[in-house]
Amino acid sequence: MVNRPVRVLLADDQPLLRTGFGLLIDSVPDLTVVGEAVSGEQAVELALRLRPDVVLMDVRMPGTDGLEATRRICADPGSDRTRVLVLTTFDLDEYVYAALRGGASGFLLKDILPADLLNAIRVVASGEGMLAPAVTRRLIHEFAGRGEPRPYVARALSGLTPRELEVLRLVARGLPNPALAEHLGLSVSTVKTHVRRLLAKLRAHDRAQLVVIAYESGLVSAGGA
């Protein structure tokens, strides 16, 4: 069975950026652009109609911005397999944290290297979160305390086992599954099982959402565990 290419929707009001990203994405066989949106409203309409695997979403667009578009796409029951990857010019932008809290699977800076952008799309499409590692902790530290935690989070956290809490803390620190397995002395398959349970219990669709929940609930802080 031949795997189909990852289907990508571009959402950016700048034609030059859309063209550049589109040419780059279509230059590799495992990715393909299925649509382009020039506004948040159009991004929502196309995402709900085309059901892409990944939406590359600019935060700042006229009318409905990328933040609201992200919320609406991620809240739609039919879009549970669609991942939103936010693109921004600023690494410490309150809108970025709000987009993550609204369901985005990660964010990248617009000056990202071409190969890194392609890899990020693949990673997000596979169900992993993509958070720019150099700025994620600063971003969370700056903005996590400003929003009210999700009402169900405290209840959900109280239902986690000690091992699941430990895994969640390590996920929030950015450890991938192999590193988690080595740190905990577990197999990678066991770690994957713990992560799947965390996703289900915390109503998170990927690891990026686990990171946000861990920080905003106070389970993990920027200064320590």
C-alpha atoms as a PDB file:
ATOM      1  CA  MET A   1       0.000   0.000   0.000  1.00  0.00           C
ATOM      2  CA  VAL A   2       1.372   3.405  -1.033  1.00  0.00           C
ATOM      3  CA  ASN A   3       0.986   6.167   1.523  1.00  0.00           C
ATOM      4  CA  ARG A   4      -0.614   9.302   0.165  1.00  0.00           C
ATOM      5  CA  PRO A   5       1.164  12.665   0.477  1.00  0.00           C
ATOM      6  CA  VAL A   6       0.482  14.870   3.487  1.00  0.00           C
ATOM      7  CA  ARG A   7      -2.172  17.374   2.389  1.00  0.00           C
ATOM      8  CA  VAL A   8      -1.351  20.976   3.342  1.00  0.00           C
ATOM      9  CA  LEU A   9      -3.523  24.102   3.361  1.00  0.00           C
ATOM     10  CA  LEU A  10      -1.685  27.449   3.268  1.00  0.00           C
ATOM     11  CA  ALA A  11      -3.268  30.411   5.071  1.00  0.00           C
ATOM     12  CA  ASP A  12      -1.408  33.712   4.683  1.00  0.00           C
ATOM     13  CA  ASP A  13      -2.459  37.083   3.285  1.00  0.00           C
ATOM     14  CA  GLN A  14       0.960  37.685   1.674  1.00  0.00           C
ATOM     15  CA  PRO A  15       1.043  36.280  -1.891  1.00  0.00           C
ATOM     16  CA  LEU A  16       4.834  36.031  -2.004  1.00  0.00           C
ATOM     17  CA  LEU A  17       4.972  33.885   1.127  1.00  0.00           C
ATOM     18  CA  ARG A  18       2.142  31.647  -0.064  1.00  0.00           C
ATOM     19  CA  THR A  19       3.875  31.155  -3.394  1.00  0.00           C
ATOM     20  CA  GLY A  20       7.237  30.425  -1.786  1.00  0.00           C
ATOM     21  CA  PHE A  21       5.823  27.975   0.735  1.00  0.00           C
ATOM     22  CA  GLY A  22       3.709  26.330  -1.955  1.00  0.00           C
ATOM     23  CA  LEU A  23       6.635  25.780  -4.321  1.00  0.00           C
ATOM     24  CA  LEU A  24       8.730  24.394  -1.482  1.00  0.00           C
ATOM     25  CA  ILE A  25       6.044  21.996  -0.261  1.00  0.00           C
ATOM     26  CA  ASP A  26       5.172  20.759  -3.744  1.00  0.00           C
ATOM     27  CA  SER A  27       8.866  20.142  -4.496  1.00  0.00           C
ATOM     28  CA  VAL A  28       8.893  16.994  -2.349  1.00  0.00           C
ATOM     29  CA  PRO A  29       6.855  13.852  -3.128  1.00  0.00           C
ATOM     30  CA  ASP A  30       5.427  13.233   0.344  1.00  0.00           C
ATOM     31  CA  LEU A  31       3.778  16.657   0.746  1.00  0.00           C
ATOM     32  CA  THR A  32       1.248  18.496  -1.410  1.00  0.00           C
ATOM     33  CA  VAL A  33      -0.628  21.811  -1.239  1.00  0.00           C
ATOM     34  CA  VAL A  34      -4.386  21.325  -1.550  1.00  0.00           C
ATOM     35  CA  GLY A  35      -5.516  24.924  -1.108  1.00  0.00           C
ATOM     36  CA  GLU A  36      -4.572  28.514  -0.305  1.00  0.00           C
ATOM     37  CA  ALA A  37      -6.424  30.968   1.933  1.00  0.00           C
ATOM     38  CA  VAL A  38      -5.873  34.727   2.098  1.00  0.00           C
ATOM     39  CA  SER A  39      -7.853  35.273   5.315  1.00  0.00           C
ATOM     40  CA  GLY A  40      -8.809  33.464   8.478  1.00  0.00           C
ATOM     41  CA  GLU A  41     -12.402  33.160   7.310  1.00  0.00           C
ATOM     42  CA  GLN A  42     -11.328  31.510   4.096  1.00  0.00           C
ATOM     43  CA  ALA A  43      -8.923  29.271   6.013  1.00  0.00           C
ATOM     44  CA  VAL A  44     -11.802  27.958   8.126  1.00  0.00           C
ATOM     45  CA  GLU A  45     -14.020  27.419   5.074  1.00  0.00           C
ATOM     46  CA  LEU A  46     -11.311  25.541   3.170  1.00  0.00           C
ATOM     47  CA  ALA A  47     -10.163  23.524   6.178  1.00  0.00           C
ATOM     48  CA  LEU A  48     -13.689  22.296   6.880  1.00  0.00           C
ATOM     49  CA  ARG A  49     -14.309  21.502   3.222  1.00  0.00           C
ATOM     50  CA  LEU A  50     -10.953  20.019   2.201  1.00  0.00           C
ATOM     51  CA  ARG A  51     -10.007  18.368   5.529  1.00  0.00           C
ATOM     52  CA  PRO A  52      -6.239  18.840   5.061  1.00  0.00           C
ATOM     53  CA  ASP A  53      -3.753  17.053   7.284  1.00  0.00           C
ATOM     54  CA  VAL A  54      -1.948  20.281   8.178  1.00  0.00           C
ATOM     55  CA  VAL A  55      -2.882  23.963   7.998  1.00  0.00           C
ATOM     56  CA  LEU A  56       0.044  26.392   7.853  1.00  0.00           C
ATOM     57  CA  MET A  57      -1.618  29.356   9.564  1.00  0.00           C
ATOM     58  CA  ASP A  58      -0.395  32.936   9.678  1.00  0.00           C
ATOM     59  CA  VAL A  59      -1.389  34.579  12.964  1.00  0.00           C
ATOM     60  CA  ARG A  60      -1.961  38.100  11.668  1.00  0.00           C
ATOM     61  CA  MET A  61      -4.481  38.304   8.839  1.00  0.00           C
ATOM     62  CA  PRO A  62      -7.216  40.821   8.048  1.00  0.00           C
ATOM     63  CA  GLY A  63     -10.746  40.172   9.291  1.00  0.00           C
ATOM     64  CA  THR A  64     -10.845  36.836  11.078  1.00  0.00           C
ATOM     65  CA  ASP A  65      -7.269  36.398  12.266  1.00  0.00           C
ATOM     66  CA  GLY A  66      -5.303  33.170  12.490  1.00  0.00           C
ATOM     67  CA  LEU A  67      -6.076  32.824  16.190  1.00  0.00           C
ATOM     68  CA  GLU A  68      -9.849  32.726  15.725  1.00  0.00           C
ATOM     69  CA  ALA A  69      -9.478  30.569  12.622  1.00  0.00           C
ATOM     70  CA  THR A  70      -7.395  28.081  14.603  1.00  0.00           C
ATOM     71  CA  ARG A  71     -10.008  27.909  17.363  1.00  0.00           C
ATOM     72  CA  ARG A  72     -12.812  27.287  14.900  1.00  0.00           C
ATOM     73  CA  ILE A  73     -10.949  24.627  12.936  1.00  0.00           C
ATOM     74  CA  CYS A  74      -9.784  22.750  16.036  1.00  0.00           C
ATOM     75  CA  ALA A  75     -13.245  22.937  17.638  1.00  0.00           C
ATOM     76  CA  ASP A  76     -14.953  21.325  14.657  1.00  0.00           C
ATOM     77  CA  PRO A  77     -15.610  17.609  15.322  1.00  0.00           C
ATOM     78  CA  GLY A  78     -14.868  16.734  11.708  1.00  0.00           C
ATOM     79  CA  SER A  79     -11.414  18.300  11.902  1.00  0.00           C
ATOM     80  CA  ASP A  80     -10.014  15.981  14.562  1.00  0.00           C
ATOM     81  CA  ARG A  81      -7.318  14.801  12.146  1.00  0.00           C
ATOM     82  CA  THR A  82      -6.396  18.284  10.948  1.00  0.00           C
ATOM     83  CA  ARG A  83      -3.383  19.870  12.639  1.00  0.00           C
ATOM     84  CA  VAL A  84      -2.746  23.627  12.685  1.00  0.00           C
ATOM     85  CA  LEU A  85       0.853  24.820  12.544  1.00  0.00           C
ATOM     86  CA  VAL A  86       1.113  28.535  13.325  1.00  0.00           C
ATOM     87  CA  LEU A  87       3.619  30.732  11.535  1.00  0.00           C
ATOM     88  CA  THR A  88       4.674  33.992  13.132  1.00  0.00           C
ATOM     89  CA  THR A  89       7.278  36.712  12.744  1.00  0.00           C
ATOM     90  CA  PHE A  90       7.629  37.193  16.498  1.00  0.00           C
ATOM     91  CA  ASP A  91       8.874  34.510  18.866  1.00  0.00           C
ATOM     92  CA  LEU A  92       7.189  36.008  21.944  1.00  0.00           C
ATOM     93  CA  ASP A  93       3.748  36.856  20.670  1.00  0.00           C
ATOM     94  CA  GLU A  94       0.758  36.527  22.986  1.00  0.00           C
ATOM     95  CA  TYR A  95      -1.279  35.440  19.996  1.00  0.00           C
ATOM     96  CA  VAL A  96       0.969  32.410  19.598  1.00  0.00           C
ATOM     97  CA  TYR A  97       0.264  31.149  23.095  1.00  0.00           C
ATOM     98  CA  ALA A  98      -3.445  31.776  22.587  1.00  0.00           C
ATOM     99  CA  ALA A  99      -3.293  29.800  19.331  1.00  0.00           C
ATOM    100  CA  LEU A 100      -1.639  26.884  21.126  1.00  0.00           C
ATOM    101  CA  ARG A 101      -4.282  27.069  23.839  1.00  0.00           C
ATOM    102  CA  GLY A 102      -6.931  27.151  21.124  1.00  0.00           C
ATOM    103  CA  GLY A 103      -5.733  23.865  19.651  1.00  0.00           C
ATOM    104  CA  ALA A 104      -2.732  24.594  17.431  1.00  0.00           C
ATOM    105  CA  SER A 105      -0.178  21.803  17.293  1.00  0.00           C
ATOM    106  CA  GLY A 106       2.769  24.160  17.380  1.00  0.00           C
ATOM    107  CA  PHE A 107       4.359  27.290  16.037  1.00  0.00           C
ATOM    108  CA  LEU A 108       7.321  28.185  13.893  1.00  0.00           C
ATOM    109  CA  LEU A 109       9.050  31.416  13.002  1.00  0.00           C
ATOM    110  CA  LYS A 110       8.690  32.595   9.418  1.00  0.00           C
ATOM    111  CA  ASP A 111      12.459  32.706   8.950  1.00  0.00           C
ATOM    112  CA  ILE A 112      12.655  28.928   9.430  1.00  0.00           C
ATOM    113  CA  LEU A 113      15.000  27.066   7.090  1.00  0.00           C
ATOM    114  CA  PRO A 114      13.218  25.307   4.199  1.00  0.00           C
ATOM    115  CA  ALA A 115      14.271  21.804   5.283  1.00  0.00           C
ATOM    116  CA  ASP A 116      13.107  22.500   8.843  1.00  0.00           C
ATOM    117  CA  LEU A 117       9.705  23.684   7.608  1.00  0.00           C
ATOM    118  CA  LEU A 118       9.194  20.508   5.602  1.00  0.00           C
ATOM    119  CA  ASN A 119      10.235  18.402   8.568  1.00  0.00           C
ATOM    120  CA  ALA A 120       7.875  20.332  10.870  1.00  0.00           C
ATOM    121  CA  ILE A 121       4.935  19.621   8.582  1.00  0.00           C
ATOM    122  CA  ARG A 122       5.791  15.914   8.579  1.00  0.00           C
ATOM    123  CA  VAL A 123       6.164  15.827  12.358  1.00  0.00           C
ATOM    124  CA  VAL A 124       2.853  17.581  12.993  1.00  0.00           C
ATOM    125  CA  ALA A 125       1.048  15.414  10.449  1.00  0.00           C
ATOM    126  CA  SER A 126       2.282  12.321  12.302  1.00  0.00           C
ATOM    127  CA  GLY A 127       0.521  13.503  15.467  1.00  0.00           C
ATOM    128  CA  GLU A 128       3.463  15.065  17.263  1.00  0.00           C
ATOM    129  CA  GLY A 129       3.557  18.687  18.418  1.00  0.00           C
ATOM    130  CA  MET A 130       6.064  21.119  16.946  1.00  0.00           C
ATOM    131  CA  LEU A 131       7.181  23.898  19.271  1.00  0.00           C
ATOM    132  CA  ALA A 132      10.200  26.011  18.384  1.00  0.00           C
ATOM    133  CA  PRO A 133      12.498  24.733  21.169  1.00  0.00           C
ATOM    134  CA  ALA A 134      14.551  27.889  21.640  1.00  0.00           C
ATOM    135  CA  VAL A 135      11.542  29.994  22.587  1.00  0.00           C
ATOM    136  CA  THR A 136       8.866  27.620  23.874  1.00  0.00           C
ATOM    137  CA  ARG A 137       9.765  27.813  27.555  1.00  0.00           C
ATOM    138  CA  ARG A 138       9.987  31.626  27.451  1.00  0.00           C
ATOM    139  CA  LEU A 139       6.670  31.823  25.655  1.00  0.00           C
ATOM    140  CA  ILE A 140       4.885  29.606  28.178  1.00  0.00           C
ATOM    141  CA  HIS A 141       6.526  31.374  31.122  1.00  0.00           C
ATOM    142  CA  GLU A 142       5.459  34.760  29.772  1.00  0.00           C
ATOM    143  CA  PHE A 143       1.822  33.977  29.066  1.00  0.00           C
ATOM    144  CA  ALA A 144       0.695  30.769  30.798  1.00  0.00           C
ATOM    145  CA  GLY A 145      -0.488  32.518  33.942  1.00  0.00           C
ATOM    146  CA  ARG A 146      -2.707  34.971  32.086  1.00  0.00           C
ATOM    147  CA  GLY A 147      -5.519  32.637  31.076  1.00  0.00           C
ATOM    148  CA  GLU A 148      -7.955  30.639  33.145  1.00  0.00           C
ATOM    149  CA  PRO A 149      -7.088  26.932  33.079  1.00  0.00           C
ATOM    150  CA  ARG A 150      -9.532  24.682  31.257  1.00  0.00           C
ATOM    151  CA  PRO A 151     -12.268  23.778  33.789  1.00  0.00           C
ATOM    152  CA  TYR A 152     -11.783  20.041  33.386  1.00  0.00           C
ATOM    153  CA  VAL A 153      -7.967  20.092  33.726  1.00  0.00           C
ATOM    154  CA  ALA A 154      -7.803  20.025  37.539  1.00  0.00           C
ATOM    155  CA  ARG A 155     -10.197  17.081  37.670  1.00  0.00           C
ATOM    156  CA  ALA A 156      -8.316  15.276  34.920  1.00  0.00           C
ATOM    157  CA  LEU A 157      -4.939  15.826  36.571  1.00  0.00           C
ATOM    158  CA  SER A 158      -6.264  14.446  39.846  1.00  0.00           C
ATOM    159  CA  GLY A 159      -7.156  11.260  37.994  1.00  0.00           C
ATOM    160  CA  LEU A 160      -3.669  10.686  36.614  1.00  0.00           C
ATOM    161  CA  THR A 161      -1.426   8.016  38.091  1.00  0.00           C
ATOM    162  CA  PRO A 162       1.963   9.017  39.568  1.00  0.00           C
ATOM    163  CA  ARG A 163       3.656   7.542  36.497  1.00  0.00           C
ATOM    164  CA  GLU A 164       1.408   9.488  34.130  1.00  0.00           C
ATOM    165  CA  LEU A 165       2.163  12.711  36.004  1.00  0.00           C
ATOM    166  CA  GLU A 166       5.876  11.970  35.691  1.00  0.00           C
ATOM    167  CA  VAL A 167       5.518  11.343  31.966  1.00  0.00           C
ATOM    168  CA  LEU A 168       3.533  14.566  31.556  1.00  0.00           C
ATOM    169  CA  ARG A 169       6.254  16.589  33.303  1.00  0.00           C
ATOM    170  CA  LEU A 170       8.897  15.127  31.001  1.00  0.00           C
ATOM    171  CA  VAL A 171       6.780  15.682  27.886  1.00  0.00           C
ATOM    172  CA  ALA A 172       6.414  19.322  28.975  1.00  0.00           C
ATOM    173  CA  ARG A 173      10.206  19.552  29.139  1.00  0.00           C
ATOM    174  CA  GLY A 174      10.401  18.552  25.501  1.00  0.00           C
ATOM    175  CA  LEU A 175      11.681  14.983  25.835  1.00  0.00           C
ATOM    176  CA  PRO A 176      10.796  12.749  22.846  1.00  0.00           C
ATOM    177  CA  ASN A 177       9.663   9.159  23.409  1.00  0.00           C
ATOM    178  CA  PRO A 178      13.119   7.508  23.166  1.00  0.00           C
ATOM    179  CA  ALA A 179      14.543   9.942  25.730  1.00  0.00           C
ATOM    180  CA  LEU A 180      11.497   9.449  27.937  1.00  0.00           C
ATOM    181  CA  ALA A 181      11.960   5.681  27.774  1.00  0.00           C
ATOM    182  CA  GLU A 182      15.633   5.925  28.693  1.00  0.00           C
ATOM    183  CA  HIS A 183      14.978   8.357  31.551  1.00  0.00           C
ATOM    184  CA  LEU A 184      12.207   6.200  33.044  1.00  0.00           C
ATOM    185  CA  GLY A 185      13.763   2.822  32.318  1.00  0.00           C
ATOM    186  CA  LEU A 186      10.773   1.791  30.199  1.00  0.00           C
ATOM    187  CA  SER A 187      10.328   0.535  26.659  1.00  0.00           C
ATOM    188  CA  VAL A 188       9.378   3.026  23.956  1.00  0.00           C
ATOM    189  CA  SER A 189       6.098   1.166  23.407  1.00  0.00           C
ATOM    190  CA  THR A 190       5.215   1.541  27.108  1.00  0.00           C
ATOM    191  CA  VAL A 191       5.986   5.254  26.955  1.00  0.00           C
ATOM    192  CA  LYS A 192       3.755   5.597  23.887  1.00  0.00           C
ATOM    193  CA  THR A 193       0.947   3.911  25.824  1.00  0.00           C
ATOM    194  CA  HIS A 194       1.343   6.407  28.691  1.00  0.00           C
ATOM    195  CA  VAL A 195       1.302   9.323  26.236  1.00  0.00           C
ATOM    196  CA  ARG A 196      -1.840   8.006  24.518  1.00  0.00           C
ATOM    197  CA  ARG A 197      -3.564   7.736  27.886  1.00  0.00           C
ATOM    198  CA  LEU A 198      -2.538  11.299  28.755  1.00  0.00           C
ATOM    199  CA  LEU A 199      -3.934  12.558  25.463  1.00  0.00           C
ATOM    200  CA  ALA A 200      -7.250  10.828  26.121  1.00  0.00           C
ATOM    201  CA  LYS A 201      -7.593  11.846  29.770  1.00  0.00           C
ATOM    202  CA  LEU A 202      -6.610  15.481  29.155  1.00  0.00           C
ATOM    203  CA  ARG A 203      -8.603  15.819  25.909  1.00  0.00           C
ATOM    204  CA  ALA A 204      -5.458  16.810  24.027  1.00  0.00           C
ATOM    205  CA  HIS A 205      -4.930  15.859  20.412  1.00  0.00           C
ATOM    206  CA  ASP A 206      -1.136  16.019  20.458  1.00  0.00           C
ATOM    207  CA  ARG A 207       1.936  16.643  22.605  1.00  0.00           C
ATOM    208  CA  ALA A 208       1.852  20.405  22.081  1.00  0.00           C
ATOM    209  CA  GLN A 209      -1.445  20.510  23.939  1.00  0.00           C
ATOM    210  CA  LEU A 210       0.040  18.419  26.749  1.00  0.00           C
ATOM    211  CA  VAL A 211       2.838  20.979  27.111  1.00  0.00           C
ATOM    212  CA  VAL A 212       0.378  23.876  27.370  1.00  0.00           C
ATOM    213  CA  ILE A 213      -1.790  22.025  29.918  1.00  0.00           C
ATOM    214  CA  ALA A 214       1.232  21.108  32.056  1.00  0.00           C
ATOM    215  CA  TYR A 215       2.385  24.723  32.249  1.00  0.00           C
ATOM    216  CA  GLU A 216      -0.965  26.475  32.611  1.00  0.00           C
ATOM    217  CA  SER A 217      -2.054  24.081  35.372  1.00  0.00           C
ATOM    218  CA  GLY A 218       1.117  24.768  37.348  1.00  0.00           C
ATOM    219  CA  LEU A 219       2.274  21.150  37.169  1.00  0.00           C
ATOM    220  CA  VAL A 220       5.440  22.437  35.496  1.00  0.00           C
ATOM    221  CA  SER A 221       6.925  25.915  35.658  1.00  0.00           C
ATOM    222  CA  ALA A 222       9.544  27.623  33.534  1.00  0.00           C
ATOM    223  CA  GLY A 223      11.906  27.706  36.489  1.00  0.00           C
ATOM    224  CA  GLY A 224      11.611  24.107  37.619  1.00  0.00           C
ATOM    225  CA  ALA A 225       9.443  21.015  37.894  1.00  0.00           C
END
